[in-house]
Amino acid sequence: MQIWGNGAIARKNGIGFRNLLMFATLLLAPSPGGVVAADLPVDLELVLAVDVSGSIDTEHAHLQRSGYARALTDRRVIDAIQSGSFGRIALTYVEWADDSLQRTVVGWRVIDGPSSAKDFAKELGGAPTVTEARTSISALIDYCVPLFNENGFDGARHVIDVSGDGENNVGRSITLARDDAVKAGVTINGLPIVREGLLPWAEDRDHRRNLDAYYRDSVIGGPGAFVVVVKDYNNFADAIISKLLKEIAELPSP
């Protein structure tokens, strides 16, 4: 809401009236710039939520971060951002593991061109990594939903982008957390990582076959929600670019 100061004309009869006028003036006084601060409109408020549980070793954690950094600075992603109604999005980066570890690595930033994207990527690359053994997607969702409140932005869409290589194995029901987020106006998209060698062979085969279905059935939700499957960390950045282009452009699900 914007309130413009335009002065007041009144008779000054009586101290009571003067006090009332002074009180009203304080309430309506504009900020130094002449406008009461309002949330910045953006085309999208996006939480990048990245798995750092025990199954993600140091090498793969680094590959994830570098993949996001490369994707965010890709010319195609920048062009998509700048082609929006406002030409900017709001972005934050969260790492998560069990129900006790959800950590905002890079707080909310405006991304509106190459410079701001590079600054975000640089800040991300310089942050330390913390990990825990288990996986709680439900706790992650519960952590992320309030991040959209009073963050200084007014986005047409609120999206949580969850990447991970396992199912929810601690914390409350994933579907309840997902449904509560959708009721709050948040869309959840998924980036399941189904790389080989994560588990003993037979279990690994079933895990890779079922994880993308698990994300579709239990994790994603909201208007236009979708899944992009990552099968190889060498192609991680390409998968993120594809996902970001779809999220930013709000392309319809297949």
C-alpha atoms as a PDB file:
ATOM      1  CA  MET A   1       0.000   0.000   0.000  1.00  0.00           C
ATOM      2  CA  GLN A   2       1.258   3.475  -0.886  1.00  0.00           C
ATOM      3  CA  ILE A   3       0.263   6.604   1.039  1.00  0.00           C
ATOM      4  CA  TRP A   4       1.168   9.913  -0.479  1.00  0.00           C
ATOM      5  CA  GLY A   5       1.561  12.973   1.781  1.00  0.00           C
ATOM      6  CA  ASN A   6      -0.429  15.873   0.355  1.00  0.00           C
ATOM      7  CA  GLY A   7      -0.727  18.203   3.339  1.00  0.00           C
ATOM      8  CA  ALA A   8      -3.816  19.243   5.244  1.00  0.00           C
ATOM      9  CA  ILE A   9      -5.928  22.406   5.570  1.00  0.00           C
ATOM     10  CA  ALA A  10      -7.687  22.979   8.906  1.00  0.00           C
ATOM     11  CA  ARG A  11      -8.604  25.609  11.420  1.00  0.00           C
ATOM     12  CA  LYS A  12      -6.391  25.631  14.511  1.00  0.00           C
ATOM     13  CA  ASN A  13      -8.975  26.414  17.156  1.00  0.00           C
ATOM     14  CA  GLY A  14      -8.135  24.802  20.513  1.00  0.00           C
ATOM     15  CA  ILE A  15      -5.283  22.805  21.898  1.00  0.00           C
ATOM     16  CA  GLY A  16      -7.267  19.589  21.666  1.00  0.00           C
ATOM     17  CA  PHE A  17      -7.687  20.000  17.946  1.00  0.00           C
ATOM     18  CA  ARG A  18      -3.985  20.812  17.523  1.00  0.00           C
ATOM     19  CA  ASN A  19      -3.029  17.662  19.392  1.00  0.00           C
ATOM     20  CA  LEU A  20      -5.394  15.640  17.241  1.00  0.00           C
ATOM     21  CA  LEU A  21      -3.960  17.196  14.097  1.00  0.00           C
ATOM     22  CA  MET A  22      -0.403  16.458  15.236  1.00  0.00           C
ATOM     23  CA  PHE A  23      -1.314  12.828  15.945  1.00  0.00           C
ATOM     24  CA  ALA A  24      -2.948  12.452  12.540  1.00  0.00           C
ATOM     25  CA  THR A  25       0.078  14.015  10.859  1.00  0.00           C
ATOM     26  CA  LEU A  26       2.415  11.511  12.510  1.00  0.00           C
ATOM     27  CA  LEU A  27       0.238   8.640  11.378  1.00  0.00           C
ATOM     28  CA  LEU A  28       0.088   9.812   7.783  1.00  0.00           C
ATOM     29  CA  ALA A  29       3.589  11.265   7.430  1.00  0.00           C
ATOM     30  CA  PRO A  30       5.328   9.922   4.318  1.00  0.00           C
ATOM     31  CA  SER A  31       8.752   8.347   4.349  1.00  0.00           C
ATOM     32  CA  PRO A  32      11.694  10.549   3.253  1.00  0.00           C
ATOM     33  CA  GLY A  33      11.077   9.483  -0.327  1.00  0.00           C
ATOM     34  CA  GLY A  34       7.438  10.522  -0.124  1.00  0.00           C
ATOM     35  CA  VAL A  35       6.011   6.985  -0.136  1.00  0.00           C
ATOM     36  CA  VAL A  36       5.381   4.440   2.582  1.00  0.00           C
ATOM     37  CA  ALA A  37       7.516   1.419   1.690  1.00  0.00           C
ATOM     38  CA  ALA A  38       5.662  -1.337  -0.155  1.00  0.00           C
ATOM     39  CA  ASP A  39       6.611  -4.881  -1.121  1.00  0.00           C
ATOM     40  CA  LEU A  40       8.513  -5.007  -4.399  1.00  0.00           C
ATOM     41  CA  PRO A  41       6.420  -6.644  -7.140  1.00  0.00           C
ATOM     42  CA  VAL A  42       8.123  -9.582  -8.852  1.00  0.00           C
ATOM     43  CA  ASP A  43       7.006 -12.187 -11.355  1.00  0.00           C
ATOM     44  CA  LEU A  44       7.945 -15.111  -9.117  1.00  0.00           C
ATOM     45  CA  GLU A  45       9.066 -15.844  -5.560  1.00  0.00           C
ATOM     46  CA  LEU A  46      11.143 -19.026  -5.743  1.00  0.00           C
ATOM     47  CA  VAL A  47      12.730 -21.154  -3.012  1.00  0.00           C
ATOM     48  CA  LEU A  48      15.473 -23.480  -4.251  1.00  0.00           C
ATOM     49  CA  ALA A  49      15.461 -26.293  -1.668  1.00  0.00           C
ATOM     50  CA  VAL A  50      18.431 -28.640  -2.040  1.00  0.00           C
ATOM     51  CA  ASP A  51      19.053 -32.002  -0.333  1.00  0.00           C
ATOM     52  CA  VAL A  52      22.264 -32.329   1.723  1.00  0.00           C
ATOM     53  CA  SER A  53      21.335 -35.502   3.624  1.00  0.00           C
ATOM     54  CA  GLY A  54      23.762 -38.360   4.257  1.00  0.00           C
ATOM     55  CA  SER A  55      23.346 -39.876   0.795  1.00  0.00           C
ATOM     56  CA  ILE A  56      24.721 -36.665  -0.763  1.00  0.00           C
ATOM     57  CA  ASP A  57      28.496 -36.789  -0.317  1.00  0.00           C
ATOM     58  CA  THR A  58      30.783 -33.757  -0.458  1.00  0.00           C
ATOM     59  CA  GLU A  59      31.501 -34.157  -4.162  1.00  0.00           C
ATOM     60  CA  HIS A  60      27.837 -34.321  -5.108  1.00  0.00           C
ATOM     61  CA  ALA A  61      26.931 -31.459  -2.770  1.00  0.00           C
ATOM     62  CA  HIS A  62      29.489 -29.353  -4.634  1.00  0.00           C
ATOM     63  CA  LEU A  63      28.103 -30.488  -7.989  1.00  0.00           C
ATOM     64  CA  GLN A  64      24.626 -29.437  -6.896  1.00  0.00           C
ATOM     65  CA  ARG A  65      25.730 -25.946  -5.917  1.00  0.00           C
ATOM     66  CA  SER A  66      27.840 -25.443  -9.018  1.00  0.00           C
ATOM     67  CA  GLY A  67      24.938 -26.697 -11.121  1.00  0.00           C
ATOM     68  CA  TYR A  68      22.585 -24.123  -9.633  1.00  0.00           C
ATOM     69  CA  ALA A  69      25.204 -21.384 -10.012  1.00  0.00           C
ATOM     70  CA  ARG A  70      25.721 -22.252 -13.668  1.00  0.00           C
ATOM     71  CA  ALA A  71      21.980 -22.446 -14.326  1.00  0.00           C
ATOM     72  CA  LEU A  72      21.190 -19.120 -12.668  1.00  0.00           C
ATOM     73  CA  THR A  73      23.774 -17.298 -14.769  1.00  0.00           C
ATOM     74  CA  ASP A  74      22.796 -19.003 -18.023  1.00  0.00           C
ATOM     75  CA  ARG A  75      21.783 -16.488 -20.688  1.00  0.00           C
ATOM     76  CA  ARG A  76      18.543 -18.357 -21.423  1.00  0.00           C
ATOM     77  CA  VAL A  77      17.469 -18.140 -17.785  1.00  0.00           C
ATOM     78  CA  ILE A  78      18.357 -14.437 -17.599  1.00  0.00           C
ATOM     79  CA  ASP A  79      16.385 -13.768 -20.783  1.00  0.00           C
ATOM     80  CA  ALA A  80      13.372 -15.616 -19.363  1.00  0.00           C
ATOM     81  CA  ILE A  81      13.528 -13.562 -16.162  1.00  0.00           C
ATOM     82  CA  GLN A  82      13.798 -10.270 -18.028  1.00  0.00           C
ATOM     83  CA  SER A  83      10.899 -11.148 -20.333  1.00  0.00           C
ATOM     84  CA  GLY A  84       8.430 -11.279 -17.431  1.00  0.00           C
ATOM     85  CA  SER A  85       5.931  -8.538 -16.635  1.00  0.00           C
ATOM     86  CA  PHE A  86       8.274  -7.004 -14.038  1.00  0.00           C
ATOM     87  CA  GLY A  87      11.536  -8.345 -15.448  1.00  0.00           C
ATOM     88  CA  ARG A  88      12.661  -9.752 -12.103  1.00  0.00           C
ATOM     89  CA  ILE A  89      12.146 -12.617  -9.666  1.00  0.00           C
ATOM     90  CA  ALA A  90      12.878 -13.082  -5.961  1.00  0.00           C
ATOM     91  CA  LEU A  91      15.079 -16.042  -5.086  1.00  0.00           C
ATOM     92  CA  THR A  92      16.395 -17.778  -1.971  1.00  0.00           C
ATOM     93  CA  TYR A  93      18.487 -20.961  -1.548  1.00  0.00           C
ATOM     94  CA  VAL A  94      17.823 -23.463   1.248  1.00  0.00           C
ATOM     95  CA  GLU A  95      19.691 -26.672   2.101  1.00  0.00           C
ATOM     96  CA  TRP A  96      17.957 -29.410   4.064  1.00  0.00           C
ATOM     97  CA  ALA A  97      18.300 -32.933   5.442  1.00  0.00           C
ATOM     98  CA  ASP A  98      16.422 -34.382   8.445  1.00  0.00           C
ATOM     99  CA  ASP A  99      13.701 -32.750  10.540  1.00  0.00           C
ATOM    100  CA  SER A 100      16.307 -30.721  12.452  1.00  0.00           C
ATOM    101  CA  LEU A 101      18.253 -29.297   9.499  1.00  0.00           C
ATOM    102  CA  GLN A 102      16.777 -26.684   7.216  1.00  0.00           C
ATOM    103  CA  ARG A 103      19.175 -23.833   6.557  1.00  0.00           C
ATOM    104  CA  THR A 104      18.842 -20.695   4.459  1.00  0.00           C
ATOM    105  CA  VAL A 105      22.187 -20.459   2.674  1.00  0.00           C
ATOM    106  CA  VAL A 106      21.372 -17.360   0.609  1.00  0.00           C
ATOM    107  CA  GLY A 107      18.504 -15.147   1.730  1.00  0.00           C
ATOM    108  CA  TRP A 108      15.972 -13.480  -0.529  1.00  0.00           C
ATOM    109  CA  ARG A 109      17.583 -11.619  -3.421  1.00  0.00           C
ATOM    110  CA  VAL A 110      16.247  -9.877  -6.515  1.00  0.00           C
ATOM    111  CA  ILE A 111      17.438 -11.468  -9.746  1.00  0.00           C
ATOM    112  CA  ASP A 112      16.903  -9.079 -12.643  1.00  0.00           C
ATOM    113  CA  GLY A 113      19.926  -9.539 -14.875  1.00  0.00           C
ATOM    114  CA  PRO A 114      23.432 -10.984 -15.253  1.00  0.00           C
ATOM    115  CA  SER A 115      24.963  -8.925 -12.436  1.00  0.00           C
ATOM    116  CA  SER A 116      22.481  -9.919  -9.722  1.00  0.00           C
ATOM    117  CA  ALA A 117      22.573 -13.550 -10.890  1.00  0.00           C
ATOM    118  CA  LYS A 118      26.374 -13.619 -10.668  1.00  0.00           C
ATOM    119  CA  ASP A 119      26.276 -12.056  -7.197  1.00  0.00           C
ATOM    120  CA  PHE A 120      23.836 -14.744  -6.037  1.00  0.00           C
ATOM    121  CA  ALA A 121      25.997 -17.509  -7.507  1.00  0.00           C
ATOM    122  CA  LYS A 122      29.120 -16.073  -5.860  1.00  0.00           C
ATOM    123  CA  GLU A 123      27.444 -15.892  -2.455  1.00  0.00           C
ATOM    124  CA  LEU A 124      26.215 -19.460  -2.856  1.00  0.00           C
ATOM    125  CA  GLY A 125      29.652 -20.758  -3.777  1.00  0.00           C
ATOM    126  CA  GLY A 126      31.282 -19.193  -0.723  1.00  0.00           C
ATOM    127  CA  ALA A 127      28.909 -20.621   1.895  1.00  0.00           C
ATOM    128  CA  PRO A 128      29.823 -23.660   4.052  1.00  0.00           C
ATOM    129  CA  THR A 129      27.886 -26.931   3.762  1.00  0.00           C
ATOM    130  CA  VAL A 130      26.200 -28.628   6.739  1.00  0.00           C
ATOM    131  CA  THR A 131      24.691 -32.127   6.569  1.00  0.00           C
ATOM    132  CA  GLU A 132      22.654 -34.661   8.549  1.00  0.00           C
ATOM    133  CA  ALA A 133      21.936 -38.333   7.910  1.00  0.00           C
ATOM    134  CA  ARG A 134      18.199 -38.620   7.291  1.00  0.00           C
ATOM    135  CA  THR A 135      15.640 -37.094   4.920  1.00  0.00           C
ATOM    136  CA  SER A 136      12.596 -35.016   5.865  1.00  0.00           C
ATOM    137  CA  ILE A 137      10.915 -33.397   2.892  1.00  0.00           C
ATOM    138  CA  SER A 138       7.904 -32.648   5.091  1.00  0.00           C
ATOM    139  CA  ALA A 139       9.993 -30.623   7.559  1.00  0.00           C
ATOM    140  CA  LEU A 140      11.564 -28.814   4.619  1.00  0.00           C
ATOM    141  CA  ILE A 141       8.156 -27.811   3.245  1.00  0.00           C
ATOM    142  CA  ASP A 142       7.007 -26.661   6.688  1.00  0.00           C
ATOM    143  CA  TYR A 143      10.169 -24.545   6.929  1.00  0.00           C
ATOM    144  CA  CYS A 144       9.827 -23.004   3.475  1.00  0.00           C
ATOM    145  CA  VAL A 145       6.161 -21.965   3.434  1.00  0.00           C
ATOM    146  CA  PRO A 146       6.591 -19.144   6.018  1.00  0.00           C
ATOM    147  CA  LEU A 147       9.573 -17.791   4.057  1.00  0.00           C
ATOM    148  CA  PHE A 148       7.114 -16.150   1.675  1.00  0.00           C
ATOM    149  CA  ASN A 149       5.599 -14.090   4.502  1.00  0.00           C
ATOM    150  CA  GLU A 150       6.897 -10.545   4.998  1.00  0.00           C
ATOM    151  CA  ASN A 151       9.952 -11.116   2.808  1.00  0.00           C
ATOM    152  CA  GLY A 152       9.645  -7.715   1.136  1.00  0.00           C
ATOM    153  CA  PHE A 153       8.314  -9.071  -2.163  1.00  0.00           C
ATOM    154  CA  ASP A 154       4.919  -9.317  -3.803  1.00  0.00           C
ATOM    155  CA  GLY A 155       5.084 -12.186  -6.266  1.00  0.00           C
ATOM    156  CA  ALA A 156       2.388 -13.400  -8.604  1.00  0.00           C
ATOM    157  CA  ARG A 157       3.459 -16.968  -7.779  1.00  0.00           C
ATOM    158  CA  HIS A 158       5.061 -18.688  -4.787  1.00  0.00           C
ATOM    159  CA  VAL A 159       7.078 -21.798  -5.675  1.00  0.00           C
ATOM    160  CA  ILE A 160       9.235 -24.258  -3.715  1.00  0.00           C
ATOM    161  CA  ASP A 161      11.595 -26.278  -5.889  1.00  0.00           C
ATOM    162  CA  VAL A 162      12.588 -29.469  -4.039  1.00  0.00           C
ATOM    163  CA  SER A 163      15.587 -31.491  -5.212  1.00  0.00           C
ATOM    164  CA  GLY A 164      16.597 -34.722  -3.488  1.00  0.00           C
ATOM    165  CA  ASP A 165      17.600 -38.357  -3.900  1.00  0.00           C
ATOM    166  CA  GLY A 166      15.378 -40.060  -1.333  1.00  0.00           C
ATOM    167  CA  GLU A 167      11.932 -40.394   0.170  1.00  0.00           C
ATOM    168  CA  ASN A 168      10.665 -38.801   3.365  1.00  0.00           C
ATOM    169  CA  ASN A 169      11.872 -41.037   6.230  1.00  0.00           C
ATOM    170  CA  VAL A 170      11.501 -38.815   9.295  1.00  0.00           C
ATOM    171  CA  GLY A 171       9.048 -36.119  10.376  1.00  0.00           C
ATOM    172  CA  ARG A 172       5.346 -35.777   9.695  1.00  0.00           C
ATOM    173  CA  SER A 173       3.462 -37.079   6.665  1.00  0.00           C
ATOM    174  CA  ILE A 174       4.827 -35.679   3.426  1.00  0.00           C
ATOM    175  CA  THR A 175       1.381 -35.534   1.826  1.00  0.00           C
ATOM    176  CA  LEU A 176      -0.051 -33.558   4.750  1.00  0.00           C
ATOM    177  CA  ALA A 177       2.823 -31.065   4.540  1.00  0.00           C
ATOM    178  CA  ARG A 178       2.377 -30.832   0.769  1.00  0.00           C
ATOM    179  CA  ASP A 179      -1.388 -30.312   1.055  1.00  0.00           C
ATOM    180  CA  ASP A 180      -0.977 -27.608   3.716  1.00  0.00           C
ATOM    181  CA  ALA A 181       1.479 -25.767   1.469  1.00  0.00           C
ATOM    182  CA  VAL A 182      -0.892 -25.900  -1.489  1.00  0.00           C
ATOM    183  CA  LYS A 183      -3.712 -24.550   0.699  1.00  0.00           C
ATOM    184  CA  ALA A 184      -1.395 -21.640   1.561  1.00  0.00           C
ATOM    185  CA  GLY A 185      -1.057 -20.804  -2.135  1.00  0.00           C
ATOM    186  CA  VAL A 186       2.353 -22.409  -2.675  1.00  0.00           C
ATOM    187  CA  THR A 187       3.269 -24.609  -5.638  1.00  0.00           C
ATOM    188  CA  ILE A 188       5.855 -27.367  -5.102  1.00  0.00           C
ATOM    189  CA  ASN A 189       7.928 -28.672  -8.014  1.00  0.00           C
ATOM    190  CA  GLY A 190      10.316 -31.616  -7.845  1.00  0.00           C
ATOM    191  CA  LEU A 191      13.811 -32.456  -9.047  1.00  0.00           C
ATOM    192  CA  PRO A 192      14.341 -36.108  -8.008  1.00  0.00           C
ATOM    193  CA  ILE A 193      17.897 -37.369  -8.423  1.00  0.00           C
ATOM    194  CA  VAL A 194      17.840 -41.013  -9.503  1.00  0.00           C
ATOM    195  CA  ARG A 195      21.548 -41.662  -9.957  1.00  0.00           C
ATOM    196  CA  GLU A 196      22.893 -45.217  -9.953  1.00  0.00           C
ATOM    197  CA  GLY A 197      24.948 -46.711  -7.149  1.00  0.00           C
ATOM    198  CA  LEU A 198      23.079 -45.044  -4.320  1.00  0.00           C
ATOM    199  CA  LEU A 199      21.948 -48.363  -2.775  1.00  0.00           C
ATOM    200  CA  PRO A 200      22.796 -52.085  -3.174  1.00  0.00           C
ATOM    201  CA  TRP A 201      21.942 -53.177  -6.712  1.00  0.00           C
ATOM    202  CA  ALA A 202      18.413 -54.607  -6.298  1.00  0.00           C
ATOM    203  CA  GLU A 203      17.309 -51.822  -3.966  1.00  0.00           C
ATOM    204  CA  ASP A 204      18.991 -49.243  -6.165  1.00  0.00           C
ATOM    205  CA  ARG A 205      17.097 -50.427  -9.238  1.00  0.00           C
ATOM    206  CA  ASP A 206      13.753 -50.148  -7.433  1.00  0.00           C
ATOM    207  CA  HIS A 207      14.718 -46.818  -5.877  1.00  0.00           C
ATOM    208  CA  ARG A 208      15.551 -45.260  -9.232  1.00  0.00           C
ATOM    209  CA  ARG A 209      12.412 -46.661 -10.813  1.00  0.00           C
ATOM    210  CA  ASN A 210      10.135 -45.414  -8.054  1.00  0.00           C
ATOM    211  CA  LEU A 211      11.584 -42.084  -6.872  1.00  0.00           C
ATOM    212  CA  ASP A 212      10.216 -40.024  -9.743  1.00  0.00           C
ATOM    213  CA  ALA A 213       6.774 -41.595  -9.190  1.00  0.00           C
ATOM    214  CA  TYR A 214       7.077 -40.858  -5.463  1.00  0.00           C
ATOM    215  CA  TYR A 215       7.783 -37.210  -6.193  1.00  0.00           C
ATOM    216  CA  ARG A 216       4.834 -37.020  -8.583  1.00  0.00           C
ATOM    217  CA  ASP A 217       2.418 -38.686  -6.162  1.00  0.00           C
ATOM    218  CA  SER A 218       3.558 -37.363  -2.782  1.00  0.00           C
ATOM    219  CA  VAL A 219       5.790 -34.288  -3.122  1.00  0.00           C
ATOM    220  CA  ILE A 220       4.665 -31.939  -5.871  1.00  0.00           C
ATOM    221  CA  GLY A 221       1.418 -30.005  -5.740  1.00  0.00           C
ATOM    222  CA  GLY A 222      -0.311 -26.803  -6.726  1.00  0.00           C
ATOM    223  CA  PRO A 223      -1.151 -25.194 -10.082  1.00  0.00           C
ATOM    224  CA  GLY A 224       1.137 -26.379 -12.871  1.00  0.00           C
ATOM    225  CA  ALA A 225       3.321 -28.505 -10.560  1.00  0.00           C
ATOM    226  CA  PHE A 226       5.829 -30.711 -12.382  1.00  0.00           C
ATOM    227  CA  VAL A 227       8.829 -33.027 -11.985  1.00  0.00           C
ATOM    228  CA  VAL A 228      12.169 -32.935 -13.816  1.00  0.00           C
ATOM    229  CA  VAL A 229      14.187 -36.122 -13.288  1.00  0.00           C
ATOM    230  CA  VAL A 230      17.983 -35.995 -12.919  1.00  0.00           C
ATOM    231  CA  LYS A 231      19.714 -39.240 -13.891  1.00  0.00           C
ATOM    232  CA  ASP A 232      23.321 -38.072 -13.979  1.00  0.00           C
ATOM    233  CA  TYR A 233      25.105 -35.369 -11.999  1.00  0.00           C
ATOM    234  CA  ASN A 234      27.064 -34.510 -15.127  1.00  0.00           C
ATOM    235  CA  ASN A 235      23.784 -33.222 -16.575  1.00  0.00           C
ATOM    236  CA  PHE A 236      22.594 -31.616 -13.343  1.00  0.00           C
ATOM    237  CA  ALA A 237      22.973 -28.012 -14.529  1.00  0.00           C
ATOM    238  CA  ASP A 238      21.102 -28.758 -17.763  1.00  0.00           C
ATOM    239  CA  ALA A 239      18.205 -30.237 -15.789  1.00  0.00           C
ATOM    240  CA  ILE A 240      18.091 -27.160 -13.548  1.00  0.00           C
ATOM    241  CA  ILE A 241      18.121 -24.836 -16.556  1.00  0.00           C
ATOM    242  CA  SER A 242      15.198 -26.736 -18.062  1.00  0.00           C
ATOM    243  CA  LYS A 243      13.304 -26.586 -14.768  1.00  0.00           C
ATOM    244  CA  LEU A 244      13.995 -22.884 -14.186  1.00  0.00           C
ATOM    245  CA  LEU A 245      12.880 -21.958 -17.689  1.00  0.00           C
ATOM    246  CA  LYS A 246       9.618 -23.787 -17.113  1.00  0.00           C
ATOM    247  CA  GLU A 247       9.076 -22.233 -13.677  1.00  0.00           C
ATOM    248  CA  ILE A 248       9.893 -18.706 -14.762  1.00  0.00           C
ATOM    249  CA  ALA A 249       7.802 -18.887 -17.919  1.00  0.00           C
ATOM    250  CA  GLU A 250       5.025 -20.820 -16.136  1.00  0.00           C
ATOM    251  CA  LEU A 251       4.780 -23.219 -19.040  1.00  0.00           C
ATOM    252  CA  PRO A 252       1.931 -25.740 -18.864  1.00  0.00           C
ATOM    253  CA  SER A 253       2.675 -29.212 -17.550  1.00  0.00           C
ATOM    254  CA  PRO A 254       2.927 -31.970 -20.183  1.00  0.00           C
END
